[in-house]
Amino acid sequence: MVQARPKNSVPLELRLDDAKRIQPQGFTSVGQTCAFRFKWLWWHTRSYVPIVVLLVLSLGSLLVLQIHWLYRRLVYTPARAKAVLKDAG
């Protein structure tokens, strides 16, 4: 059963289409646009920061490991090979 409401009642729903928007002009508009873009960028990128940090740490660790292996290969391998050759004969 539908109830009829009085003609002087106010609807409970809020429609944003009916609201008037204030359009800033000039420098204020540019400032608000820049602030909005910065907030949007900050909101959407801050969840990726831990992932990027872990990626950089992993790549740095692999770089240090590669340098260590290269150093061992260049410094220790020839000396050990000479010792093996002297012992063999």
N, C-alpha and C. Protein backbone atom coordinates (compact mmCIF):
# COMPACT_ATOMS: atom_id res chain seq x y z
N MET A 1 0.84 -1.16 0.00
CA MET A 1 0.00 0.00 0.00
C MET A 1 0.89 1.24 0.00
N VAL A 2 0.68 2.14 -0.90
CA VAL A 2 1.47 3.35 -1.04
C VAL A 2 0.80 4.47 -0.26
N GLN A 3 1.57 5.16 0.54
CA GLN A 3 1.02 6.26 1.31
C GLN A 3 1.27 7.57 0.57
N ALA A 4 0.30 8.38 0.56
CA ALA A 4 0.45 9.70 -0.08
C ALA A 4 1.11 10.64 0.92
N ARG A 5 2.05 11.41 0.44
CA ARG A 5 2.70 12.35 1.35
C ARG A 5 2.17 13.76 1.09
N PRO A 6 2.23 14.56 2.09
CA PRO A 6 1.72 15.92 1.92
C PRO A 6 2.55 16.70 0.90
N LYS A 7 1.93 17.70 0.29
CA LYS A 7 2.61 18.46 -0.76
C LYS A 7 3.72 19.35 -0.23
N ASN A 8 3.71 19.69 1.03
CA ASN A 8 4.74 20.58 1.55
C ASN A 8 5.91 19.82 2.19
N SER A 9 6.01 18.52 2.02
CA SER A 9 7.10 17.74 2.60
C SER A 9 8.35 17.83 1.72
N VAL A 10 9.47 17.62 2.34
CA VAL A 10 10.76 17.68 1.65
C VAL A 10 11.21 16.25 1.37
N PRO A 11 11.67 15.97 0.16
CA PRO A 11 12.15 14.60 -0.12
C PRO A 11 13.41 14.29 0.69
N LEU A 12 13.56 13.04 1.07
CA LEU A 12 14.69 12.64 1.90
C LEU A 12 15.95 12.36 1.09
N GLU A 13 15.82 12.21 -0.18
CA GLU A 13 16.99 11.91 -0.99
C GLU A 13 17.70 13.20 -1.40
N LEU A 14 18.97 13.10 -1.54
CA LEU A 14 19.80 14.24 -1.91
C LEU A 14 20.33 13.99 -3.31
N ARG A 15 20.08 14.89 -4.18
CA ARG A 15 20.55 14.74 -5.56
C ARG A 15 21.65 15.77 -5.82
N LEU A 16 22.79 15.27 -6.21
CA LEU A 16 23.91 16.17 -6.48
C LEU A 16 23.75 16.89 -7.81
N ASP A 17 22.91 16.35 -8.68
CA ASP A 17 22.69 17.01 -9.96
C ASP A 17 22.01 18.36 -9.77
N ASP A 18 21.19 18.46 -8.74
CA ASP A 18 20.44 19.69 -8.51
C ASP A 18 21.28 20.76 -7.82
N ALA A 19 22.39 20.35 -7.21
CA ALA A 19 23.21 21.30 -6.48
C ALA A 19 23.97 22.20 -7.46
N LYS A 20 24.13 23.45 -7.10
CA LYS A 20 24.90 24.37 -7.93
C LYS A 20 26.37 24.26 -7.57
N ARG A 21 27.19 24.20 -8.59
CA ARG A 21 28.63 24.13 -8.36
C ARG A 21 29.25 25.49 -8.60
N ILE A 22 30.20 25.79 -7.76
CA ILE A 22 30.92 27.05 -7.93
C ILE A 22 32.15 26.76 -8.79
N GLN A 23 32.26 27.43 -9.89
CA GLN A 23 33.38 27.25 -10.80
C GLN A 23 34.42 28.33 -10.50
N PRO A 24 35.55 27.96 -9.89
CA PRO A 24 36.57 28.98 -9.62
C PRO A 24 37.20 29.46 -10.92
N GLN A 25 37.64 30.69 -10.89
CA GLN A 25 38.22 31.31 -12.08
C GLN A 25 39.68 31.66 -11.82
N GLY A 26 40.48 31.65 -12.87
CA GLY A 26 41.85 32.14 -12.80
C GLY A 26 42.79 31.24 -12.02
N PHE A 27 43.62 31.89 -11.19
CA PHE A 27 44.67 31.19 -10.47
C PHE A 27 44.11 30.19 -9.47
N THR A 28 42.96 30.48 -8.89
CA THR A 28 42.34 29.57 -7.93
C THR A 28 42.01 28.24 -8.59
N SER A 29 41.53 28.31 -9.82
CA SER A 29 41.19 27.10 -10.55
C SER A 29 42.44 26.24 -10.79
N VAL A 30 43.53 26.88 -11.18
CA VAL A 30 44.78 26.15 -11.43
C VAL A 30 45.29 25.52 -10.13
N GLY A 31 45.23 26.29 -9.04
CA GLY A 31 45.68 25.77 -7.76
C GLY A 31 44.85 24.59 -7.28
N GLN A 32 43.55 24.69 -7.44
CA GLN A 32 42.68 23.59 -7.03
C GLN A 32 42.89 22.36 -7.91
N THR A 33 43.10 22.59 -9.20
CA THR A 33 43.35 21.47 -10.11
C THR A 33 44.66 20.77 -9.75
N CYS A 34 45.70 21.55 -9.47
CA CYS A 34 46.99 20.95 -9.09
C CYS A 34 46.88 20.19 -7.77
N ALA A 35 46.17 20.77 -6.82
CA ALA A 35 45.98 20.09 -5.53
C ALA A 35 45.20 18.80 -5.70
N PHE A 36 44.17 18.84 -6.53
CA PHE A 36 43.38 17.63 -6.78
C PHE A 36 44.23 16.56 -7.44
N ARG A 37 45.01 16.95 -8.44
CA ARG A 37 45.87 15.96 -9.13
C ARG A 37 46.91 15.37 -8.19
N PHE A 38 47.49 16.21 -7.32
CA PHE A 38 48.48 15.72 -6.38
C PHE A 38 47.85 14.74 -5.38
N LYS A 39 46.68 15.08 -4.87
CA LYS A 39 45.99 14.17 -3.94
C LYS A 39 45.64 12.86 -4.61
N TRP A 40 45.17 12.95 -5.86
CA TRP A 40 44.82 11.74 -6.60
C TRP A 40 46.06 10.87 -6.82
N LEU A 41 47.16 11.48 -7.23
CA LEU A 41 48.41 10.75 -7.46
C LEU A 41 48.92 10.13 -6.17
N TRP A 42 48.90 10.88 -5.08
CA TRP A 42 49.35 10.37 -3.79
C TRP A 42 48.50 9.19 -3.35
N TRP A 43 47.19 9.30 -3.51
CA TRP A 43 46.28 8.24 -3.07
C TRP A 43 46.51 6.96 -3.88
N HIS A 44 46.73 7.08 -5.17
CA HIS A 44 46.85 5.90 -6.01
C HIS A 44 48.25 5.30 -6.04
N THR A 45 49.28 6.05 -5.63
CA THR A 45 50.63 5.51 -5.70
C THR A 45 51.17 5.05 -4.36
N ARG A 46 50.58 5.48 -3.26
CA ARG A 46 51.18 5.12 -1.97
C ARG A 46 51.06 3.64 -1.67
N SER A 47 50.15 2.92 -2.28
CA SER A 47 50.06 1.48 -2.06
C SER A 47 51.17 0.74 -2.81
N TYR A 48 51.74 1.36 -3.83
CA TYR A 48 52.81 0.71 -4.59
C TYR A 48 54.19 0.96 -4.01
N VAL A 49 54.32 1.87 -3.07
CA VAL A 49 55.63 2.21 -2.50
C VAL A 49 56.30 1.00 -1.85
N PRO A 50 55.63 0.20 -1.02
CA PRO A 50 56.31 -0.97 -0.44
C PRO A 50 56.76 -1.98 -1.50
N ILE A 51 55.98 -2.13 -2.55
CA ILE A 51 56.35 -3.06 -3.62
C ILE A 51 57.60 -2.56 -4.34
N VAL A 52 57.65 -1.28 -4.62
CA VAL A 52 58.82 -0.71 -5.30
C VAL A 52 60.04 -0.79 -4.40
N VAL A 53 59.87 -0.55 -3.10
CA VAL A 53 61.00 -0.65 -2.16
C VAL A 53 61.54 -2.07 -2.12
N LEU A 54 60.66 -3.05 -2.05
CA LEU A 54 61.11 -4.45 -2.06
C LEU A 54 61.81 -4.80 -3.36
N LEU A 55 61.31 -4.28 -4.47
CA LEU A 55 61.94 -4.54 -5.76
C LEU A 55 63.34 -3.94 -5.82
N VAL A 56 63.50 -2.72 -5.34
CA VAL A 56 64.82 -2.08 -5.34
C VAL A 56 65.78 -2.81 -4.41
N LEU A 57 65.30 -3.23 -3.24
CA LEU A 57 66.15 -4.00 -2.33
C LEU A 57 66.57 -5.33 -2.94
N SER A 58 65.66 -5.99 -3.62
CA SER A 58 66.00 -7.27 -4.26
C SER A 58 67.03 -7.08 -5.36
N LEU A 59 66.82 -6.06 -6.19
CA LEU A 59 67.79 -5.81 -7.26
C LEU A 59 69.15 -5.40 -6.71
N GLY A 60 69.14 -4.61 -5.64
CA GLY A 60 70.41 -4.24 -5.01
C GLY A 60 71.12 -5.45 -4.44
N SER A 61 70.37 -6.35 -3.83
CA SER A 61 70.96 -7.56 -3.28
C SER A 61 71.56 -8.44 -4.39
N LEU A 62 70.84 -8.56 -5.49
CA LEU A 62 71.37 -9.34 -6.62
C LEU A 62 72.62 -8.69 -7.21
N LEU A 63 72.66 -7.38 -7.24
CA LEU A 63 73.84 -6.68 -7.74
C LEU A 63 75.04 -6.93 -6.84
N VAL A 64 74.85 -6.87 -5.52
CA VAL A 64 75.95 -7.13 -4.58
C VAL A 64 76.41 -8.58 -4.72
N LEU A 65 75.48 -9.50 -4.87
CA LEU A 65 75.84 -10.91 -5.04
C LEU A 65 76.62 -11.12 -6.34
N GLN A 66 76.20 -10.46 -7.41
CA GLN A 66 76.91 -10.58 -8.68
C GLN A 66 78.34 -10.03 -8.57
N ILE A 67 78.49 -8.89 -7.91
CA ILE A 67 79.82 -8.32 -7.71
C ILE A 67 80.69 -9.27 -6.88
N HIS A 68 80.11 -9.87 -5.85
CA HIS A 68 80.85 -10.81 -5.00
C HIS A 68 81.31 -12.02 -5.81
N TRP A 69 80.41 -12.58 -6.62
CA TRP A 69 80.78 -13.73 -7.44
C TRP A 69 81.86 -13.37 -8.45
N LEU A 70 81.72 -12.19 -9.06
CA LEU A 70 82.72 -11.77 -10.04
C LEU A 70 84.07 -11.57 -9.36
N TYR A 71 84.09 -10.97 -8.18
CA TYR A 71 85.33 -10.77 -7.45
C TYR A 71 85.98 -12.11 -7.11
N ARG A 72 85.19 -13.04 -6.60
CA ARG A 72 85.75 -14.36 -6.26
C ARG A 72 86.28 -15.07 -7.49
N ARG A 73 85.57 -14.91 -8.60
CA ARG A 73 85.99 -15.57 -9.83
C ARG A 73 87.31 -15.00 -10.33
N LEU A 74 87.48 -13.69 -10.24
CA LEU A 74 88.69 -13.05 -10.75
C LEU A 74 89.88 -13.21 -9.80
N VAL A 75 89.64 -13.21 -8.50
CA VAL A 75 90.74 -13.19 -7.54
C VAL A 75 91.11 -14.60 -7.09
N TYR A 76 90.17 -15.38 -6.67
CA TYR A 76 90.49 -16.66 -6.04
C TYR A 76 90.66 -17.81 -7.02
N THR A 77 89.97 -17.82 -8.12
CA THR A 77 90.04 -18.96 -9.03
C THR A 77 91.42 -19.14 -9.65
N PRO A 78 92.09 -18.09 -10.17
CA PRO A 78 93.42 -18.31 -10.74
C PRO A 78 94.44 -18.79 -9.71
N ALA A 79 94.40 -18.28 -8.51
CA ALA A 79 95.35 -18.70 -7.49
C ALA A 79 95.13 -20.17 -7.12
N ARG A 80 93.88 -20.57 -6.99
CA ARG A 80 93.59 -21.95 -6.65
C ARG A 80 93.98 -22.89 -7.79
N ALA A 81 93.78 -22.45 -9.02
CA ALA A 81 94.15 -23.29 -10.17
C ALA A 81 95.66 -23.49 -10.22
N LYS A 82 96.44 -22.45 -9.89
CA LYS A 82 97.89 -22.59 -9.87
C LYS A 82 98.33 -23.56 -8.77
N ALA A 83 97.68 -23.51 -7.63
CA ALA A 83 98.02 -24.41 -6.53
C ALA A 83 97.70 -25.84 -6.90
N VAL A 84 96.61 -26.05 -7.58
CA VAL A 84 96.23 -27.40 -7.99
C VAL A 84 97.23 -27.93 -9.00
N LEU A 85 97.66 -27.06 -9.94
CA LEU A 85 98.64 -27.49 -10.93
C LEU A 85 99.98 -27.79 -10.32
N LYS A 86 100.41 -27.04 -9.28
CA LYS A 86 101.68 -27.32 -8.60
C LYS A 86 101.61 -28.65 -7.87
N ASP A 87 100.47 -28.92 -7.22
CA ASP A 87 100.32 -30.18 -6.48
C ASP A 87 100.26 -31.37 -7.43
N ALA A 88 99.71 -31.17 -8.61
CA ALA A 88 99.56 -32.27 -9.55
C ALA A 88 100.89 -32.61 -10.22
N GLY A 89 101.75 -31.63 -10.28
CA GLY A 89 102.87 -32.06 -10.92
C GLY A 89 104.06 -31.52 -11.32
